[in-house]
Amino acid sequence: MDEEAKLAHLIVPATMTFESAGAQYGNQRQVVWRQRAISPLGETVEDWRFYSDLGKRINKDKFPAIEKEEDVYELFRKHAPTWAGLTLERLKQDPTGISWPCPSADHPGTRGTLYPDNKFLTPNGKVELHSQSLGPIQWSEPEGAL
């Protein structure tokens, strides 16, 4: 415990990347499954366990059953249609990862740009921002923009 840690009300001894397994997201939209390289040291806690325990304390019976890192990944994938084809089995077999969108198990993953012709995949080709609490967010391009 250093001087700052002694001032804290709560300390969560988190694991390092090599001490835990789980999904990792890369710069090229690739999703990679990493295996644990070494056992966690001391009293460290894997991040998925910390958030699961916290969620159970806050939401009690409403919090989903999470017993391992795979459960967290599957819970996310269940709510992300563009990740439907990124099954754990596929990720664990591909050390370089699979790029999303990957909407089905037979889809190879999407490489290259998500925005053909430099346009968003919206009716007007521009980004559409929306907040549940604020509604549509108005945007106008700066003068002189292409």
N, C-alpha and C. Protein backbone atom coordinates (compact mmCIF):
# COMPACT_ATOMS: atom_id res chain seq x y z
N MET A 1 0.84 -1.18 0.00
CA MET A 1 0.00 0.00 0.00
C MET A 1 0.89 1.24 0.00
N ASP A 2 0.70 2.06 -1.02
CA ASP A 2 1.45 3.31 -1.05
C ASP A 2 0.65 4.40 -0.35
N GLU A 3 1.21 5.63 -0.32
CA GLU A 3 0.59 6.73 0.41
C GLU A 3 -0.82 7.04 -0.09
N GLU A 4 -1.02 7.05 -1.42
CA GLU A 4 -2.35 7.33 -1.98
C GLU A 4 -3.33 6.23 -1.64
N ALA A 5 -2.90 4.99 -1.72
CA ALA A 5 -3.79 3.87 -1.44
C ALA A 5 -4.29 3.92 0.00
N LYS A 6 -3.46 4.37 0.90
CA LYS A 6 -3.85 4.45 2.31
C LYS A 6 -4.97 5.48 2.53
N LEU A 7 -5.11 6.42 1.61
CA LEU A 7 -6.17 7.44 1.72
C LEU A 7 -7.49 6.98 1.13
N ALA A 8 -7.47 5.92 0.36
CA ALA A 8 -8.67 5.46 -0.35
C ALA A 8 -9.68 4.81 0.60
N HIS A 9 -10.95 4.97 0.25
CA HIS A 9 -12.01 4.31 1.00
C HIS A 9 -12.22 2.88 0.53
N LEU A 10 -11.87 2.64 -0.74
CA LEU A 10 -12.05 1.31 -1.33
C LEU A 10 -10.90 1.04 -2.28
N ILE A 11 -10.34 -0.13 -2.19
CA ILE A 11 -9.28 -0.55 -3.10
C ILE A 11 -9.72 -1.85 -3.74
N VAL A 12 -9.70 -1.87 -5.07
CA VAL A 12 -10.04 -3.08 -5.80
C VAL A 12 -8.74 -3.59 -6.43
N PRO A 13 -8.19 -4.66 -5.88
CA PRO A 13 -6.94 -5.19 -6.44
C PRO A 13 -7.22 -5.95 -7.73
N ALA A 14 -7.12 -5.26 -8.84
CA ALA A 14 -7.47 -5.84 -10.13
C ALA A 14 -6.30 -6.64 -10.72
N THR A 15 -6.66 -7.61 -11.54
CA THR A 15 -5.65 -8.41 -12.23
C THR A 15 -5.12 -7.64 -13.43
N MET A 16 -3.97 -8.07 -13.90
CA MET A 16 -3.39 -7.55 -15.13
C MET A 16 -3.91 -8.41 -16.29
N THR A 17 -3.71 -7.94 -17.51
CA THR A 17 -4.21 -8.63 -18.70
C THR A 17 -3.79 -10.09 -18.73
N PHE A 18 -2.55 -10.38 -18.38
CA PHE A 18 -2.05 -11.75 -18.48
C PHE A 18 -2.60 -12.67 -17.39
N GLU A 19 -3.26 -12.09 -16.38
CA GLU A 19 -3.80 -12.87 -15.28
C GLU A 19 -5.28 -13.20 -15.45
N SER A 20 -5.86 -12.83 -16.58
CA SER A 20 -7.28 -13.11 -16.79
C SER A 20 -7.55 -13.46 -18.25
N ALA A 21 -8.61 -14.20 -18.46
CA ALA A 21 -9.05 -14.54 -19.81
C ALA A 21 -10.19 -13.61 -20.19
N GLY A 22 -10.49 -13.54 -21.47
CA GLY A 22 -11.63 -12.75 -21.89
C GLY A 22 -11.49 -12.20 -23.28
N ALA A 23 -12.53 -11.52 -23.74
CA ALA A 23 -12.53 -10.93 -25.08
C ALA A 23 -11.75 -9.62 -25.04
N GLN A 24 -11.06 -9.38 -26.11
CA GLN A 24 -10.31 -8.14 -26.26
C GLN A 24 -10.64 -7.58 -27.62
N TYR A 25 -10.77 -6.28 -27.70
CA TYR A 25 -11.20 -5.59 -28.92
C TYR A 25 -10.02 -4.82 -29.47
N GLY A 26 -9.71 -5.00 -30.76
CA GLY A 26 -8.56 -4.36 -31.36
C GLY A 26 -8.90 -3.16 -32.22
N ASN A 27 -7.87 -2.47 -32.67
CA ASN A 27 -8.03 -1.26 -33.48
C ASN A 27 -8.68 -1.51 -34.84
N GLN A 28 -8.54 -2.68 -35.38
CA GLN A 28 -9.11 -2.99 -36.69
C GLN A 28 -10.46 -3.69 -36.56
N ARG A 29 -11.15 -3.46 -35.45
CA ARG A 29 -12.45 -4.05 -35.16
C ARG A 29 -12.38 -5.56 -34.95
N GLN A 30 -11.18 -6.10 -34.75
CA GLN A 30 -11.12 -7.53 -34.53
C GLN A 30 -11.34 -7.83 -33.05
N VAL A 31 -12.07 -8.90 -32.83
CA VAL A 31 -12.33 -9.37 -31.48
C VAL A 31 -11.47 -10.61 -31.30
N VAL A 32 -10.69 -10.64 -30.23
CA VAL A 32 -9.77 -11.73 -29.95
C VAL A 32 -10.10 -12.29 -28.57
N TRP A 33 -10.05 -13.59 -28.44
CA TRP A 33 -10.20 -14.20 -27.12
C TRP A 33 -8.81 -14.48 -26.58
N ARG A 34 -8.52 -13.95 -25.40
CA ARG A 34 -7.21 -14.20 -24.81
C ARG A 34 -7.36 -15.17 -23.64
N GLN A 35 -6.43 -16.07 -23.54
CA GLN A 35 -6.40 -17.03 -22.44
C GLN A 35 -5.55 -16.46 -21.30
N ARG A 36 -5.79 -16.92 -20.11
CA ARG A 36 -4.99 -16.51 -18.97
C ARG A 36 -3.60 -17.12 -19.11
N ALA A 37 -2.56 -16.30 -18.93
CA ALA A 37 -1.18 -16.78 -19.05
C ALA A 37 -0.62 -17.22 -17.70
N ILE A 38 -0.98 -16.51 -16.64
CA ILE A 38 -0.51 -16.86 -15.30
C ILE A 38 -1.68 -16.72 -14.33
N SER A 39 -1.58 -17.38 -13.22
CA SER A 39 -2.62 -17.28 -12.19
C SER A 39 -2.56 -15.90 -11.54
N PRO A 40 -3.72 -15.37 -11.15
CA PRO A 40 -3.73 -14.07 -10.47
C PRO A 40 -2.89 -14.11 -9.19
N LEU A 41 -2.24 -13.02 -8.89
CA LEU A 41 -1.37 -12.94 -7.73
C LEU A 41 -2.10 -12.35 -6.53
N GLY A 42 -1.73 -12.79 -5.36
CA GLY A 42 -2.26 -12.22 -4.12
C GLY A 42 -3.77 -12.25 -4.05
N GLU A 43 -4.35 -11.12 -3.68
CA GLU A 43 -5.80 -11.00 -3.53
C GLU A 43 -6.44 -10.31 -4.72
N THR A 44 -5.81 -10.36 -5.88
CA THR A 44 -6.36 -9.68 -7.05
C THR A 44 -7.66 -10.32 -7.51
N VAL A 45 -8.47 -9.51 -8.16
CA VAL A 45 -9.79 -9.93 -8.62
C VAL A 45 -9.90 -9.63 -10.11
N GLU A 46 -10.37 -10.61 -10.89
CA GLU A 46 -10.57 -10.38 -12.31
C GLU A 46 -11.71 -9.37 -12.50
N ASP A 47 -11.59 -8.54 -13.54
CA ASP A 47 -12.58 -7.47 -13.72
C ASP A 47 -13.99 -8.00 -13.89
N TRP A 48 -14.17 -9.11 -14.60
CA TRP A 48 -15.53 -9.64 -14.78
C TRP A 48 -16.13 -10.03 -13.44
N ARG A 49 -15.32 -10.56 -12.54
CA ARG A 49 -15.81 -10.97 -11.21
C ARG A 49 -16.20 -9.73 -10.40
N PHE A 50 -15.37 -8.69 -10.45
CA PHE A 50 -15.67 -7.45 -9.73
C PHE A 50 -17.01 -6.89 -10.18
N TYR A 51 -17.20 -6.73 -11.49
CA TYR A 51 -18.44 -6.15 -12.00
C TYR A 51 -19.64 -7.05 -11.74
N SER A 52 -19.45 -8.34 -11.79
CA SER A 52 -20.54 -9.26 -11.48
C SER A 52 -20.96 -9.14 -10.02
N ASP A 53 -19.98 -9.13 -9.13
CA ASP A 53 -20.29 -8.99 -7.70
C ASP A 53 -20.96 -7.66 -7.41
N LEU A 54 -20.47 -6.59 -8.03
CA LEU A 54 -21.06 -5.26 -7.85
C LEU A 54 -22.49 -5.24 -8.38
N GLY A 55 -22.70 -5.80 -9.57
CA GLY A 55 -24.04 -5.85 -10.15
C GLY A 55 -25.02 -6.61 -9.28
N LYS A 56 -24.57 -7.71 -8.70
CA LYS A 56 -25.44 -8.51 -7.83
C LYS A 56 -25.80 -7.74 -6.56
N ARG A 57 -24.86 -6.96 -6.04
CA ARG A 57 -25.16 -6.17 -4.84
C ARG A 57 -26.14 -5.04 -5.15
N ILE A 58 -26.00 -4.45 -6.33
CA ILE A 58 -26.86 -3.32 -6.68
C ILE A 58 -28.24 -3.78 -7.14
N ASN A 59 -28.28 -4.81 -8.00
CA ASN A 59 -29.54 -5.23 -8.62
C ASN A 59 -30.10 -6.55 -8.10
N LYS A 60 -29.44 -7.15 -7.19
CA LYS A 60 -29.85 -8.40 -6.56
C LYS A 60 -30.37 -9.43 -7.57
N ASP A 61 -31.65 -9.77 -7.52
CA ASP A 61 -32.21 -10.83 -8.37
C ASP A 61 -32.30 -10.46 -9.85
N LYS A 62 -32.26 -9.18 -10.17
CA LYS A 62 -32.39 -8.75 -11.56
C LYS A 62 -31.09 -8.91 -12.34
N PHE A 63 -29.97 -9.04 -11.66
CA PHE A 63 -28.68 -9.13 -12.35
C PHE A 63 -28.52 -10.51 -12.95
N PRO A 64 -28.07 -10.59 -14.21
CA PRO A 64 -27.94 -11.90 -14.87
C PRO A 64 -26.91 -12.79 -14.17
N ALA A 65 -27.12 -14.09 -14.30
CA ALA A 65 -26.20 -15.06 -13.71
C ALA A 65 -24.88 -15.04 -14.49
N ILE A 66 -23.82 -14.65 -13.82
CA ILE A 66 -22.49 -14.62 -14.43
C ILE A 66 -21.55 -15.38 -13.52
N GLU A 67 -21.00 -16.45 -14.04
CA GLU A 67 -20.10 -17.29 -13.24
C GLU A 67 -18.69 -17.34 -13.79
N LYS A 68 -18.50 -16.87 -15.03
CA LYS A 68 -17.18 -16.92 -15.65
C LYS A 68 -17.12 -15.88 -16.78
N GLU A 69 -15.91 -15.62 -17.27
CA GLU A 69 -15.72 -14.59 -18.29
C GLU A 69 -16.51 -14.87 -19.56
N GLU A 70 -16.72 -16.13 -19.91
CA GLU A 70 -17.51 -16.48 -21.09
C GLU A 70 -18.95 -15.99 -20.97
N ASP A 71 -19.49 -16.00 -19.76
CA ASP A 71 -20.86 -15.53 -19.55
C ASP A 71 -21.00 -14.05 -19.87
N VAL A 72 -19.99 -13.26 -19.51
CA VAL A 72 -20.01 -11.83 -19.81
C VAL A 72 -20.02 -11.62 -21.32
N TYR A 73 -19.14 -12.35 -22.01
CA TYR A 73 -19.04 -12.21 -23.46
C TYR A 73 -20.37 -12.58 -24.12
N GLU A 74 -20.94 -13.71 -23.74
CA GLU A 74 -22.20 -14.16 -24.35
C GLU A 74 -23.34 -13.19 -24.05
N LEU A 75 -23.35 -12.59 -22.89
CA LEU A 75 -24.38 -11.61 -22.56
C LEU A 75 -24.26 -10.40 -23.48
N PHE A 76 -23.05 -9.93 -23.72
CA PHE A 76 -22.84 -8.82 -24.65
C PHE A 76 -23.24 -9.22 -26.06
N ARG A 77 -22.77 -10.38 -26.51
CA ARG A 77 -23.03 -10.84 -27.88
C ARG A 77 -24.53 -11.00 -28.14
N LYS A 78 -25.25 -11.41 -27.14
CA LYS A 78 -26.70 -11.60 -27.25
C LYS A 78 -27.41 -10.29 -27.62
N HIS A 79 -26.86 -9.16 -27.20
CA HIS A 79 -27.49 -7.87 -27.44
C HIS A 79 -26.80 -7.07 -28.56
N ALA A 80 -25.86 -7.68 -29.26
CA ALA A 80 -25.15 -6.99 -30.34
C ALA A 80 -25.29 -7.80 -31.63
N PRO A 81 -26.32 -7.51 -32.45
CA PRO A 81 -26.56 -8.29 -33.67
C PRO A 81 -25.36 -8.36 -34.61
N THR A 82 -24.53 -7.33 -34.62
CA THR A 82 -23.36 -7.35 -35.51
C THR A 82 -22.27 -8.29 -35.02
N TRP A 83 -22.45 -8.84 -33.82
CA TRP A 83 -21.49 -9.81 -33.26
C TRP A 83 -22.08 -11.23 -33.23
N ALA A 84 -23.22 -11.45 -33.83
CA ALA A 84 -23.89 -12.75 -33.75
C ALA A 84 -23.00 -13.90 -34.22
N GLY A 85 -22.17 -13.67 -35.22
CA GLY A 85 -21.30 -14.72 -35.74
C GLY A 85 -19.99 -14.87 -34.99
N LEU A 86 -19.74 -14.03 -34.01
CA LEU A 86 -18.50 -14.09 -33.24
C LEU A 86 -18.68 -15.02 -32.04
N THR A 87 -18.90 -16.28 -32.33
CA THR A 87 -19.11 -17.25 -31.26
C THR A 87 -17.80 -17.49 -30.51
N LEU A 88 -17.92 -17.91 -29.29
CA LEU A 88 -16.73 -18.23 -28.50
C LEU A 88 -15.88 -19.29 -29.18
N GLU A 89 -16.55 -20.28 -29.75
CA GLU A 89 -15.81 -21.36 -30.42
C GLU A 89 -14.94 -20.79 -31.54
N ARG A 90 -15.52 -19.92 -32.36
CA ARG A 90 -14.76 -19.32 -33.47
C ARG A 90 -13.61 -18.46 -32.94
N LEU A 91 -13.89 -17.63 -31.94
CA LEU A 91 -12.85 -16.77 -31.42
C LEU A 91 -11.69 -17.56 -30.82
N LYS A 92 -12.02 -18.60 -30.08
CA LYS A 92 -10.97 -19.39 -29.43
C LYS A 92 -10.11 -20.14 -30.44
N GLN A 93 -10.63 -20.37 -31.64
CA GLN A 93 -9.87 -21.07 -32.68
C GLN A 93 -9.06 -20.12 -33.55
N ASP A 94 -9.32 -18.82 -33.49
CA ASP A 94 -8.65 -17.87 -34.36
C ASP A 94 -7.77 -16.92 -33.54
N PRO A 95 -6.46 -17.16 -33.49
CA PRO A 95 -5.58 -16.34 -32.65
C PRO A 95 -5.46 -14.88 -33.08
N THR A 96 -5.80 -14.56 -34.33
CA THR A 96 -5.71 -13.17 -34.78
C THR A 96 -7.04 -12.44 -34.65
N GLY A 97 -8.09 -13.14 -34.29
CA GLY A 97 -9.39 -12.52 -34.09
C GLY A 97 -10.23 -12.46 -35.34
N ILE A 98 -11.46 -12.06 -35.17
CA ILE A 98 -12.42 -11.93 -36.26
C ILE A 98 -12.97 -10.51 -36.20
N SER A 99 -13.03 -9.85 -37.35
CA SER A 99 -13.50 -8.47 -37.39
C SER A 99 -15.02 -8.40 -37.53
N TRP A 100 -15.63 -7.52 -36.77
CA TRP A 100 -17.05 -7.29 -36.88
C TRP A 100 -17.28 -6.19 -37.90
N PRO A 101 -18.45 -6.03 -38.47
CA PRO A 101 -19.62 -6.86 -38.24
C PRO A 101 -19.42 -8.28 -38.77
N CYS A 102 -20.01 -9.19 -38.03
CA CYS A 102 -20.00 -10.60 -38.38
C CYS A 102 -21.37 -11.14 -37.96
N PRO A 103 -22.39 -10.94 -38.79
CA PRO A 103 -23.77 -11.17 -38.38
C PRO A 103 -24.22 -12.62 -38.29
N SER A 104 -23.42 -13.58 -38.80
CA SER A 104 -23.86 -14.98 -38.73
C SER A 104 -22.64 -15.89 -38.59
N ALA A 105 -22.89 -17.13 -38.17
CA ALA A 105 -21.81 -18.08 -37.95
C ALA A 105 -21.03 -18.41 -39.21
N ASP A 106 -21.66 -18.29 -40.38
CA ASP A 106 -20.95 -18.60 -41.63
C ASP A 106 -20.33 -17.36 -42.28
N HIS A 107 -20.47 -16.20 -41.65
CA HIS A 107 -19.90 -14.96 -42.18
C HIS A 107 -18.41 -14.91 -41.83
N PRO A 108 -17.55 -14.51 -42.76
CA PRO A 108 -16.11 -14.51 -42.49
C PRO A 108 -15.62 -13.35 -41.62
N GLY A 109 -16.47 -12.39 -41.35
CA GLY A 109 -16.02 -11.17 -40.67
C GLY A 109 -15.78 -10.11 -41.73
N THR A 110 -15.84 -8.85 -41.34
CA THR A 110 -15.74 -7.75 -42.30
C THR A 110 -14.38 -7.08 -42.18
N ARG A 111 -13.67 -7.08 -43.28
CA ARG A 111 -12.37 -6.39 -43.31
C ARG A 111 -12.54 -5.11 -44.12
N GLY A 112 -11.66 -4.16 -43.90
CA GLY A 112 -11.74 -2.91 -44.63
C GLY A 112 -12.67 -1.92 -43.95
N THR A 113 -13.09 -0.94 -44.68
CA THR A 113 -13.89 0.14 -44.11
C THR A 113 -15.35 -0.26 -43.88
N LEU A 114 -15.91 0.31 -42.87
CA LEU A 114 -17.35 0.15 -42.62
C LEU A 114 -18.15 1.17 -43.42
N TYR A 115 -17.46 2.15 -44.00
CA TYR A 115 -18.13 3.27 -44.62
C TYR A 115 -17.73 3.38 -46.10
N PRO A 116 -18.38 2.59 -46.96
CA PRO A 116 -18.05 2.68 -48.39
C PRO A 116 -18.35 4.09 -48.92
N ASP A 117 -17.54 4.57 -49.81
CA ASP A 117 -17.68 5.91 -50.39
C ASP A 117 -17.66 7.00 -49.32
N ASN A 118 -17.02 6.71 -48.19
CA ASN A 118 -16.89 7.68 -47.09
C ASN A 118 -18.23 8.19 -46.58
N LYS A 119 -19.23 7.31 -46.55
CA LYS A 119 -20.56 7.68 -46.05
C LYS A 119 -20.99 6.68 -44.98
N PHE A 120 -21.74 7.18 -44.01
CA PHE A 120 -22.31 6.31 -43.00
C PHE A 120 -23.45 5.51 -43.62
N LEU A 121 -23.78 4.39 -43.03
CA LEU A 121 -24.85 3.54 -43.54
C LEU A 121 -26.21 4.01 -43.01
N THR A 122 -26.52 5.27 -43.30
CA THR A 122 -27.78 5.89 -42.92
C THR A 122 -28.44 6.42 -44.20
N PRO A 123 -29.73 6.73 -44.18
CA PRO A 123 -30.39 7.21 -45.40
C PRO A 123 -29.71 8.41 -46.06
N ASN A 124 -29.19 9.33 -45.25
CA ASN A 124 -28.56 10.52 -45.85
C ASN A 124 -27.03 10.41 -45.92
N GLY A 125 -26.48 9.27 -45.48
CA GLY A 125 -25.04 9.06 -45.55
C GLY A 125 -24.25 9.79 -44.48
N LYS A 126 -24.94 10.41 -43.54
CA LYS A 126 -24.27 11.15 -42.47
C LYS A 126 -24.59 10.50 -41.13
N VAL A 127 -23.77 10.81 -40.13
CA VAL A 127 -23.98 10.24 -38.81
C VAL A 127 -25.29 10.78 -38.23
N GLU A 128 -26.02 9.92 -37.53
CA GLU A 128 -27.25 10.31 -36.86
C GLU A 128 -27.07 10.04 -35.38
N LEU A 129 -27.15 11.09 -34.58
CA LEU A 129 -26.97 10.96 -33.14
C LEU A 129 -28.31 11.03 -32.45
N HIS A 130 -28.50 10.14 -31.48
CA HIS A 130 -29.77 10.09 -30.76
C HIS A 130 -29.50 9.69 -29.33
N SER A 131 -30.12 10.37 -28.41
CA SER A 131 -30.00 10.05 -27.00
C SER A 131 -31.38 9.69 -26.48
N GLN A 132 -31.47 8.65 -25.69
CA GLN A 132 -32.77 8.23 -25.17
C GLN A 132 -33.40 9.35 -24.33
N SER A 133 -32.58 10.05 -23.58
CA SER A 133 -33.13 11.09 -22.72
C SER A 133 -33.31 12.42 -23.45
N LEU A 134 -32.47 12.71 -24.45
CA LEU A 134 -32.54 14.00 -25.15
C LEU A 134 -33.24 13.93 -26.50
N GLY A 135 -33.40 12.75 -27.05
CA GLY A 135 -33.98 12.60 -28.38
C GLY A 135 -32.91 12.83 -29.44
N PRO A 136 -33.33 13.14 -30.69
CA PRO A 136 -32.34 13.37 -31.75
C PRO A 136 -31.46 14.57 -31.41
N ILE A 137 -30.17 14.44 -31.68
CA ILE A 137 -29.23 15.52 -31.43
C ILE A 137 -28.96 16.20 -32.76
N GLN A 138 -29.25 17.47 -32.82
CA GLN A 138 -29.09 18.23 -34.06
C GLN A 138 -27.62 18.52 -34.31
N TRP A 139 -27.23 18.41 -35.56
CA TRP A 139 -25.85 18.63 -35.96
C TRP A 139 -25.84 19.36 -37.28
N SER A 140 -25.00 20.34 -37.36
CA SER A 140 -24.79 21.01 -38.66
C SER A 140 -23.30 21.04 -38.92
N GLU A 141 -22.94 20.83 -40.17
CA GLU A 141 -21.53 20.80 -40.50
C GLU A 141 -20.96 22.21 -40.51
N PRO A 142 -19.69 22.34 -40.14
CA PRO A 142 -19.06 23.67 -40.16
C PRO A 142 -19.00 24.22 -41.59
N GLU A 143 -18.99 25.50 -41.72
CA GLU A 143 -18.90 26.12 -43.04
C GLU A 143 -17.61 25.67 -43.72
N GLY A 144 -17.71 25.40 -45.02
CA GLY A 144 -16.55 24.99 -45.78
C GLY A 144 -16.25 23.51 -45.71
N ALA A 145 -17.05 22.74 -44.94
CA ALA A 145 -16.83 21.28 -44.86
C ALA A 145 -17.30 20.63 -46.13
N LEU A 146 -16.68 19.53 -46.47
CA LEU A 146 -17.08 18.81 -47.69
C LEU A 146 -18.37 18.08 -47.51
